[in-house]
Each structure stands twice: as C-alpha cells, then as structure tokens.
Amino acid sequence: MRSEPLRPKLQKYLTKRGLAVKFTKQLDLFIANSAHPSLQTERLEPKEFKIYSFRLDRKYRVIFIFKSASTVEIIDINSHYA
C-alpha cells in the first residue's frame, strides 16, 4: 500500500497542532498493515461514498479514499469529536 503526497494545507494542519511526528508513525503503520487494531480503520457512512478513516490518536482521525487497490489519498485530518 502507498499514500499519495499530503496536500500542503493538511501538512500545515498537522504542524500547527504538533501532530506531524504522530501522523508519520501512524501512516507508516497503516501502509504496513491497514487492518492493524490500533488504527481502528473503518468505512464511514454513507458506505456508498467509499470514504474511510483511521485513528491518528484519541482525538484526531485521518480521512482517506482509495485511488486504486494499492494507493490511498488522504483527503482530510480532523478532530473526531468536532
């Protein structure tokens, strides 16, 4: 599995909140094993949109879509409780 490069807006979001290192760690884990239990990867509702998320930490989630069977694009990073 691989991820497309992160958009500058999302990089800025991570840096501003001090999440860049944590994001890199979780993304590496996701690329190695997208079903790892600590990621809590899930398909979001409505399921027909085929949008997924994995856990960055207890507060933040990474939202992504599959561009192909082996490539994902991260489309958002946000607070899980906002």
PDB file of N, CA and C in Angstrom:
ATOM      1  N   MET A   1       0.852  -1.178   0.000  1.00  0.00           N
ATOM      2  CA  MET A   1       0.000   0.000   0.000  1.00  0.00           C
ATOM      3  C   MET A   1       0.891   1.232   0.000  1.00  0.00           C
ATOM      4  N   ARG A   2       0.425   2.274  -0.651  1.00  0.00           N
ATOM      5  CA  ARG A   2       1.149   3.543  -0.627  1.00  0.00           C
ATOM      6  C   ARG A   2       0.153   4.686  -0.524  1.00  0.00           C
ATOM      7  N   SER A   3       0.651   5.835  -0.115  1.00  0.00           N
ATOM      8  CA  SER A   3      -0.180   7.023   0.033  1.00  0.00           C
ATOM      9  C   SER A   3       0.324   8.103  -0.916  1.00  0.00           C
ATOM     10  N   GLU A   4      -0.595   8.810  -1.532  1.00  0.00           N
ATOM     11  CA  GLU A   4      -0.212   9.946  -2.356  1.00  0.00           C
ATOM     12  C   GLU A   4       0.330  11.043  -1.438  1.00  0.00           C
ATOM     13  N   PRO A   5       1.162  11.945  -1.972  1.00  0.00           N
ATOM     14  CA  PRO A   5       1.715  13.021  -1.127  1.00  0.00           C
ATOM     15  C   PRO A   5       0.608  13.844  -0.460  1.00  0.00           C
ATOM     16  N   LEU A   6       0.881  14.241   0.749  1.00  0.00           N
ATOM     17  CA  LEU A   6      -0.074  15.028   1.528  1.00  0.00           C
ATOM     18  C   LEU A   6      -0.148  16.451   0.992  1.00  0.00           C
ATOM     19  N   ARG A   7      -1.361  16.981   0.860  1.00  0.00           N
ATOM     20  CA  ARG A   7      -1.542  18.360   0.392  1.00  0.00           C
ATOM     21  C   ARG A   7      -0.956  19.342   1.410  1.00  0.00           C
ATOM     22  N   PRO A   8      -0.425  20.471   0.931  1.00  0.00           N
ATOM     23  CA  PRO A   8       0.187  21.461   1.837  1.00  0.00           C
ATOM     24  C   PRO A   8      -0.745  21.928   2.960  1.00  0.00           C
ATOM     25  N   LYS A   9      -2.022  22.070   2.673  1.00  0.00           N
ATOM     26  CA  LYS A   9      -2.991  22.504   3.684  1.00  0.00           C
ATOM     27  C   LYS A   9      -3.045  21.510   4.852  1.00  0.00           C
ATOM     28  N   LEU A  10      -2.987  20.220   4.536  1.00  0.00           N
ATOM     29  CA  LEU A  10      -3.021  19.199   5.585  1.00  0.00           C
ATOM     30  C   LEU A  10      -1.702  19.143   6.343  1.00  0.00           C
ATOM     31  N   GLN A  11      -0.578  19.354   5.644  1.00  0.00           N
ATOM     32  CA  GLN A  11       0.712  19.410   6.323  1.00  0.00           C
ATOM     33  C   GLN A  11       0.729  20.563   7.323  1.00  0.00           C
ATOM     34  N   LYS A  12       0.184  21.686   6.923  1.00  0.00           N
ATOM     35  CA  LYS A  12       0.118  22.850   7.806  1.00  0.00           C
ATOM     36  C   LYS A  12      -0.752  22.553   9.029  1.00  0.00           C
ATOM     37  N   TYR A  13      -1.885  21.880   8.821  1.00  0.00           N
ATOM     38  CA  TYR A  13      -2.789  21.499   9.900  1.00  0.00           C
ATOM     39  C   TYR A  13      -2.047  20.641  10.930  1.00  0.00           C
ATOM     40  N   LEU A  14      -1.291  19.648  10.448  1.00  0.00           N
ATOM     41  CA  LEU A  14      -0.542  18.765  11.338  1.00  0.00           C
ATOM     42  C   LEU A  14       0.527  19.524  12.112  1.00  0.00           C
ATOM     43  N   THR A  15       1.256  20.381  11.426  1.00  0.00           N
ATOM     44  CA  THR A  15       2.331  21.142  12.059  1.00  0.00           C
ATOM     45  C   THR A  15       1.778  22.078  13.120  1.00  0.00           C
ATOM     46  N   LYS A  16       0.705  22.770  12.796  1.00  0.00           N
ATOM     47  CA  LYS A  16       0.100  23.724  13.726  1.00  0.00           C
ATOM     48  C   LYS A  16      -0.337  23.052  15.029  1.00  0.00           C
ATOM     49  N   ARG A  17      -0.772  21.802  14.940  1.00  0.00           N
ATOM     50  CA  ARG A  17      -1.273  21.089  16.115  1.00  0.00           C
ATOM     51  C   ARG A  17      -0.245  20.153  16.739  1.00  0.00           C
ATOM     52  N   GLY A  18       0.975  20.163  16.207  1.00  0.00           N
ATOM     53  CA  GLY A  18       2.035  19.314  16.753  1.00  0.00           C
ATOM     54  C   GLY A  18       1.816  17.835  16.506  1.00  0.00           C
ATOM     55  N   LEU A  19       1.202  17.490  15.373  1.00  0.00           N
ATOM     56  CA  LEU A  19       0.848  16.107  15.080  1.00  0.00           C
ATOM     57  C   LEU A  19       1.692  15.473  13.974  1.00  0.00           C
ATOM     58  N   ALA A  20       2.680  16.185  13.446  1.00  0.00           N
ATOM     59  CA  ALA A  20       3.423  15.696  12.276  1.00  0.00           C
ATOM     60  C   ALA A  20       4.135  14.368  12.553  1.00  0.00           C
ATOM     61  N   VAL A  21       4.812  14.254  13.684  1.00  0.00           N
ATOM     62  CA  VAL A  21       5.541  13.021  14.006  1.00  0.00           C
ATOM     63  C   VAL A  21       4.561  11.874  14.227  1.00  0.00           C
ATOM     64  N   LYS A  22       3.501  12.145  14.952  1.00  0.00           N
ATOM     65  CA  LYS A  22       2.485  11.125  15.217  1.00  0.00           C
ATOM     66  C   LYS A  22       1.833  10.652  13.915  1.00  0.00           C
ATOM     67  N   PHE A  23       1.582  11.605  13.004  1.00  0.00           N
ATOM     68  CA  PHE A  23       0.992  11.263  11.711  1.00  0.00           C
ATOM     69  C   PHE A  23       1.919  10.338  10.925  1.00  0.00           C
ATOM     70  N   THR A  24       3.204  10.669  10.874  1.00  0.00           N
ATOM     71  CA  THR A  24       4.162   9.839  10.132  1.00  0.00           C
ATOM     72  C   THR A  24       4.192   8.422  10.690  1.00  0.00           C
ATOM     73  N   LYS A  25       4.187   8.303  12.003  1.00  0.00           N
ATOM     74  CA  LYS A  25       4.195   6.983  12.645  1.00  0.00           C
ATOM     75  C   LYS A  25       2.943   6.187  12.278  1.00  0.00           C
ATOM     76  N   GLN A  26       1.788   6.810  12.380  1.00  0.00           N
ATOM     77  CA  GLN A  26       0.538   6.111  12.093  1.00  0.00           C
ATOM     78  C   GLN A  26       0.405   5.794  10.598  1.00  0.00           C
ATOM     79  N   LEU A  27       0.866   6.692   9.744  1.00  0.00           N
ATOM     80  CA  LEU A  27       0.813   6.422   8.304  1.00  0.00           C
ATOM     81  C   LEU A  27       1.717   5.243   7.952  1.00  0.00           C
ATOM     82  N   ASP A  28       2.907   5.176   8.532  1.00  0.00           N
ATOM     83  CA  ASP A  28       3.800   4.043   8.290  1.00  0.00           C
ATOM     84  C   ASP A  28       3.143   2.739   8.733  1.00  0.00           C
ATOM     85  N   LEU A  29       2.492   2.766   9.881  1.00  0.00           N
ATOM     86  CA  LEU A  29       1.783   1.589  10.378  1.00  0.00           C
ATOM     87  C   LEU A  29       0.646   1.214   9.426  1.00  0.00           C
ATOM     88  N   PHE A  30      -0.094   2.211   8.954  1.00  0.00           N
ATOM     89  CA  PHE A  30      -1.197   1.980   8.017  1.00  0.00           C
ATOM     90  C   PHE A  30      -0.691   1.357   6.716  1.00  0.00           C
ATOM     91  N   ILE A  31       0.413   1.875   6.195  1.00  0.00           N
ATOM     92  CA  ILE A  31       0.964   1.350   4.943  1.00  0.00           C
ATOM     93  C   ILE A  31       1.426  -0.095   5.119  1.00  0.00           C
ATOM     94  N   ALA A  32       1.999  -0.403   6.261  1.00  0.00           N
ATOM     95  CA  ALA A  32       2.462  -1.763   6.535  1.00  0.00           C
ATOM     96  C   ALA A  32       1.304  -2.732   6.770  1.00  0.00           C
ATOM     97  N   ASN A  33       0.261  -2.254   7.462  1.00  0.00           N
ATOM     98  CA  ASN A  33      -0.872  -3.125   7.807  1.00  0.00           C
ATOM     99  C   ASN A  33      -2.101  -2.262   8.066  1.00  0.00           C
ATOM    100  N   SER A  34      -2.898  -2.043   7.040  1.00  0.00           N
ATOM    101  CA  SER A  34      -4.059  -1.156   7.169  1.00  0.00           C
ATOM    102  C   SER A  34      -5.113  -1.681   8.139  1.00  0.00           C
ATOM    103  N   ALA A  35      -5.027  -2.957   8.484  1.00  0.00           N
ATOM    104  CA  ALA A  35      -6.000  -3.546   9.413  1.00  0.00           C
ATOM    105  C   ALA A  35      -5.457  -3.647  10.841  1.00  0.00           C
ATOM    106  N   HIS A  36      -4.356  -2.988  11.118  1.00  0.00           N
ATOM    107  CA  HIS A  36      -3.791  -3.053  12.479  1.00  0.00           C
ATOM    108  C   HIS A  36      -4.828  -2.552  13.483  1.00  0.00           C
ATOM    109  N   PRO A  37      -5.037  -3.272  14.575  1.00  0.00           N
ATOM    110  CA  PRO A  37      -6.090  -2.918  15.539  1.00  0.00           C
ATOM    111  C   PRO A  37      -5.977  -1.504  16.120  1.00  0.00           C
ATOM    112  N   SER A  38      -4.770  -1.009  16.330  1.00  0.00           N
ATOM    113  CA  SER A  38      -4.636   0.312  16.945  1.00  0.00           C
ATOM    114  C   SER A  38      -5.083   1.440  16.011  1.00  0.00           C
ATOM    115  N   LEU A  39      -5.155   1.171  14.716  1.00  0.00           N
ATOM    116  CA  LEU A  39      -5.605   2.194  13.765  1.00  0.00           C
ATOM    117  C   LEU A  39      -7.126   2.366  13.771  1.00  0.00           C
ATOM    118  N   GLN A  40      -7.822   1.329  14.135  1.00  0.00           N
ATOM    119  CA  GLN A  40      -9.287   1.332  14.111  1.00  0.00           C
ATOM    120  C   GLN A  40      -9.809   1.833  12.753  1.00  0.00           C
ATOM    121  N   THR A  41      -9.272   1.267  11.683  1.00  0.00           N
ATOM    122  CA  THR A  41      -9.682   1.641  10.334  1.00  0.00           C
ATOM    123  C   THR A  41     -11.143   1.273  10.137  1.00  0.00           C
ATOM    124  N   GLU A  42     -11.903   2.212   9.560  1.00  0.00           N
ATOM    125  CA  GLU A  42     -13.326   1.955   9.348  1.00  0.00           C
ATOM    126  C   GLU A  42     -13.822   2.655   8.092  1.00  0.00           C
ATOM    127  N   ARG A  43     -14.870   2.091   7.529  1.00  0.00           N
ATOM    128  CA  ARG A  43     -15.560   2.697   6.390  1.00  0.00           C
ATOM    129  C   ARG A  43     -16.641   3.604   6.953  1.00  0.00           C
ATOM    130  N   LEU A  44     -16.678   4.834   6.476  1.00  0.00           N
ATOM    131  CA  LEU A  44     -17.605   5.817   7.016  1.00  0.00           C
ATOM    132  C   LEU A  44     -18.966   5.766   6.325  1.00  0.00           C
ATOM    133  N   GLU A  45     -19.958   6.265   7.008  1.00  0.00           N
ATOM    134  CA  GLU A  45     -21.311   6.356   6.473  1.00  0.00           C
ATOM    135  C   GLU A  45     -21.448   7.641   5.659  1.00  0.00           C
ATOM    136  N   PRO A  46     -22.216   7.661   4.611  1.00  0.00           N
ATOM    137  CA  PRO A  46     -22.846   6.517   3.956  1.00  0.00           C
ATOM    138  C   PRO A  46     -21.813   5.687   3.205  1.00  0.00           C
ATOM    139  N   LYS A  47     -21.916   4.386   3.333  1.00  0.00           N
ATOM    140  CA  LYS A  47     -20.915   3.457   2.816  1.00  0.00           C
ATOM    141  C   LYS A  47     -20.736   3.535   1.303  1.00  0.00           C
ATOM    142  N   GLU A  48     -21.753   3.951   0.570  1.00  0.00           N
ATOM    143  CA  GLU A  48     -21.629   4.004  -0.894  1.00  0.00           C
ATOM    144  C   GLU A  48     -20.636   5.071  -1.361  1.00  0.00           C
ATOM    145  N   PHE A  49     -20.240   6.002  -0.491  1.00  0.00           N
ATOM    146  CA  PHE A  49     -19.247   7.018  -0.865  1.00  0.00           C
ATOM    147  C   PHE A  49     -17.822   6.480  -0.795  1.00  0.00           C
ATOM    148  N   LYS A  50     -17.639   5.314  -0.147  1.00  0.00           N
ATOM    149  CA  LYS A  50     -16.344   4.645  -0.051  1.00  0.00           C
ATOM    150  C   LYS A  50     -15.259   5.554   0.538  1.00  0.00           C
ATOM    151  N   ILE A  51     -15.590   6.191   1.634  1.00  0.00           N
ATOM    152  CA  ILE A  51     -14.660   7.031   2.381  1.00  0.00           C
ATOM    153  C   ILE A  51     -14.313   6.293   3.671  1.00  0.00           C
ATOM    154  N   TYR A  52     -13.029   6.294   4.009  1.00  0.00           N
ATOM    155  CA  TYR A  52     -12.530   5.545   5.159  1.00  0.00           C
ATOM    156  C   TYR A  52     -11.796   6.469   6.125  1.00  0.00           C
ATOM    157  N   SER A  53     -11.544   5.958   7.319  1.00  0.00           N
ATOM    158  CA  SER A  53     -10.729   6.710   8.268  1.00  0.00           C
ATOM    159  C   SER A  53      -9.893   5.751   9.094  1.00  0.00           C
ATOM    160  N   PHE A  54      -8.789   6.282   9.608  1.00  0.00           N
ATOM    161  CA  PHE A  54      -8.024   5.563  10.623  1.00  0.00           C
ATOM    162  C   PHE A  54      -7.648   6.542  11.722  1.00  0.00           C
ATOM    163  N   ARG A  55      -7.372   6.000  12.872  1.00  0.00           N
ATOM    164  CA  ARG A  55      -7.120   6.794  14.067  1.00  0.00           C
ATOM    165  C   ARG A  55      -5.690   7.336  14.081  1.00  0.00           C
ATOM    166  N   LEU A  56      -5.580   8.646  14.253  1.00  0.00           N
ATOM    167  CA  LEU A  56      -4.276   9.274  14.450  1.00  0.00           C
ATOM    168  C   LEU A  56      -3.918   9.227  15.935  1.00  0.00           C
ATOM    169  N   ASP A  57      -4.866   9.581  16.766  1.00  0.00           N
ATOM    170  CA  ASP A  57      -4.773   9.428  18.218  1.00  0.00           C
ATOM    171  C   ASP A  57      -6.197   9.439  18.758  1.00  0.00           C
ATOM    172  N   ARG A  58      -6.354   9.603  20.049  1.00  0.00           N
ATOM    173  CA  ARG A  58      -7.707   9.549  20.627  1.00  0.00           C
ATOM    174  C   ARG A  58      -8.604  10.673  20.131  1.00  0.00           C
ATOM    175  N   LYS A  59      -8.016  11.786  19.705  1.00  0.00           N
ATOM    176  CA  LYS A  59      -8.804  12.948  19.296  1.00  0.00           C
ATOM    177  C   LYS A  59      -8.936  13.103  17.784  1.00  0.00           C
ATOM    178  N   TYR A  60      -7.906  12.730  17.032  1.00  0.00           N
ATOM    179  CA  TYR A  60      -7.877  13.011  15.587  1.00  0.00           C
ATOM    180  C   TYR A  60      -7.977  11.747  14.739  1.00  0.00           C
ATOM    181  N   ARG A  61      -8.652  11.910  13.576  1.00  0.00           N
ATOM    182  CA  ARG A  61      -8.789  10.833  12.602  1.00  0.00           C
ATOM    183  C   ARG A  61      -8.301  11.319  11.255  1.00  0.00           C
ATOM    184  N   VAL A  62      -7.768  10.390  10.473  1.00  0.00           N
ATOM    185  CA  VAL A  62      -7.299  10.651   9.122  1.00  0.00           C
ATOM    186  C   VAL A  62      -8.351  10.083   8.164  1.00  0.00           C
ATOM    187  N   ILE A  63      -8.867  10.931   7.286  1.00  0.00           N
ATOM    188  CA  ILE A  63      -9.909  10.533   6.338  1.00  0.00           C
ATOM    189  C   ILE A  63      -9.248  10.287   4.982  1.00  0.00           C
ATOM    190  N   PHE A  64      -9.572   9.162   4.351  1.00  0.00           N
ATOM    191  CA  PHE A  64      -8.922   8.829   3.085  1.00  0.00           C
ATOM    192  C   PHE A  64      -9.863   8.084   2.148  1.00  0.00           C
ATOM    193  N   ILE A  65      -9.451   8.043   0.879  1.00  0.00           N
ATOM    194  CA  ILE A  65     -10.156   7.273  -0.143  1.00  0.00           C
ATOM    195  C   ILE A  65      -9.127   6.415  -0.866  1.00  0.00           C
ATOM    196  N   PHE A  66      -9.591   5.342  -1.471  1.00  0.00           N
ATOM    197  CA  PHE A  66      -8.719   4.510  -2.298  1.00  0.00           C
ATOM    198  C   PHE A  66      -8.730   5.062  -3.715  1.00  0.00           C
ATOM    199  N   LYS A  67      -7.551   5.409  -4.232  1.00  0.00           N
ATOM    200  CA  LYS A  67      -7.408   5.850  -5.617  1.00  0.00           C
ATOM    201  C   LYS A  67      -7.283   4.637  -6.528  1.00  0.00           C
ATOM    202  N   SER A  68      -6.706   3.565  -6.005  1.00  0.00           N
ATOM    203  CA  SER A  68      -6.597   2.275  -6.685  1.00  0.00           C
ATOM    204  C   SER A  68      -6.534   1.224  -5.581  1.00  0.00           C
ATOM    205  N   ALA A  69      -6.377  -0.018  -5.969  1.00  0.00           N
ATOM    206  CA  ALA A  69      -6.341  -1.090  -4.973  1.00  0.00           C
ATOM    207  C   ALA A  69      -5.165  -0.954  -4.008  1.00  0.00           C
ATOM    208  N   SER A  70      -4.109  -0.268  -4.445  1.00  0.00           N
ATOM    209  CA  SER A  70      -2.919  -0.176  -3.602  1.00  0.00           C
ATOM    210  C   SER A  70      -2.500   1.256  -3.260  1.00  0.00           C
ATOM    211  N   THR A  71      -3.319   2.242  -3.604  1.00  0.00           N
ATOM    212  CA  THR A  71      -2.973   3.642  -3.361  1.00  0.00           C
ATOM    213  C   THR A  71      -4.129   4.369  -2.686  1.00  0.00           C
ATOM    214  N   VAL A  72      -3.800   5.112  -1.624  1.00  0.00           N
ATOM    215  CA  VAL A  72      -4.808   5.925  -0.947  1.00  0.00           C
ATOM    216  C   VAL A  72      -4.455   7.395  -1.070  1.00  0.00           C
ATOM    217  N   GLU A  73      -5.484   8.229  -0.981  1.00  0.00           N
ATOM    218  CA  GLU A  73      -5.298   9.671  -0.925  1.00  0.00           C
ATOM    219  C   GLU A  73      -5.925  10.170   0.364  1.00  0.00           C
ATOM    220  N   ILE A  74      -5.144  10.858   1.161  1.00  0.00           N
ATOM    221  CA  ILE A  74      -5.657  11.425   2.405  1.00  0.00           C
ATOM    222  C   ILE A  74      -6.361  12.730   2.039  1.00  0.00           C
ATOM    223  N   ILE A  75      -7.647  12.793   2.350  1.00  0.00           N
ATOM    224  CA  ILE A  75      -8.435  13.951   1.960  1.00  0.00           C
ATOM    225  C   ILE A  75      -8.707  14.909   3.112  1.00  0.00           C
ATOM    226  N   ASP A  76      -8.534  14.436   4.350  1.00  0.00           N
ATOM    227  CA  ASP A  76      -8.756  15.320   5.491  1.00  0.00           C
ATOM    228  C   ASP A  76      -8.152  14.706   6.747  1.00  0.00           C
ATOM    229  N   ILE A  77      -7.851  15.566   7.692  1.00  0.00           N
ATOM    230  CA  ILE A  77      -7.452  15.177   9.037  1.00  0.00           C
ATOM    231  C   ILE A  77      -8.242  16.081   9.956  1.00  0.00           C
ATOM    232  N   ASN A  78      -9.003  15.489  10.862  1.00  0.00           N
ATOM    233  CA  ASN A  78      -9.855  16.332  11.693  1.00  0.00           C
ATOM    234  C   ASN A  78     -10.071  15.754  13.079  1.00  0.00           C
ATOM    235  N   SER A  79     -10.622  16.589  13.927  1.00  0.00           N
ATOM    236  CA  SER A  79     -10.970  16.177  15.263  1.00  0.00           C
ATOM    237  C   SER A  79     -12.156  15.228  15.200  1.00  0.00           C
ATOM    238  N   HIS A  80     -12.016  14.104  15.852  1.00  0.00           N
ATOM    239  CA  HIS A  80     -13.062  13.080  15.834  1.00  0.00           C
ATOM    240  C   HIS A  80     -14.328  13.548  16.570  1.00  0.00           C
ATOM    241  N   TYR A  81     -14.183  14.531  17.444  1.00  0.00           N
ATOM    242  CA  TYR A  81     -15.299  14.952  18.274  1.00  0.00           C
ATOM    243  C   TYR A  81     -15.834  16.337  17.941  1.00  0.00           C
ATOM    244  N   ALA A  82     -15.366  16.925  16.850  1.00  0.00           N
ATOM    245  CA  ALA A  82     -15.824  18.276  16.484  1.00  0.00           C
ATOM    246  C   ALA A  82     -17.164  18.250  15.799  1.00  0.00           C
TER     247      ALA A  82
END
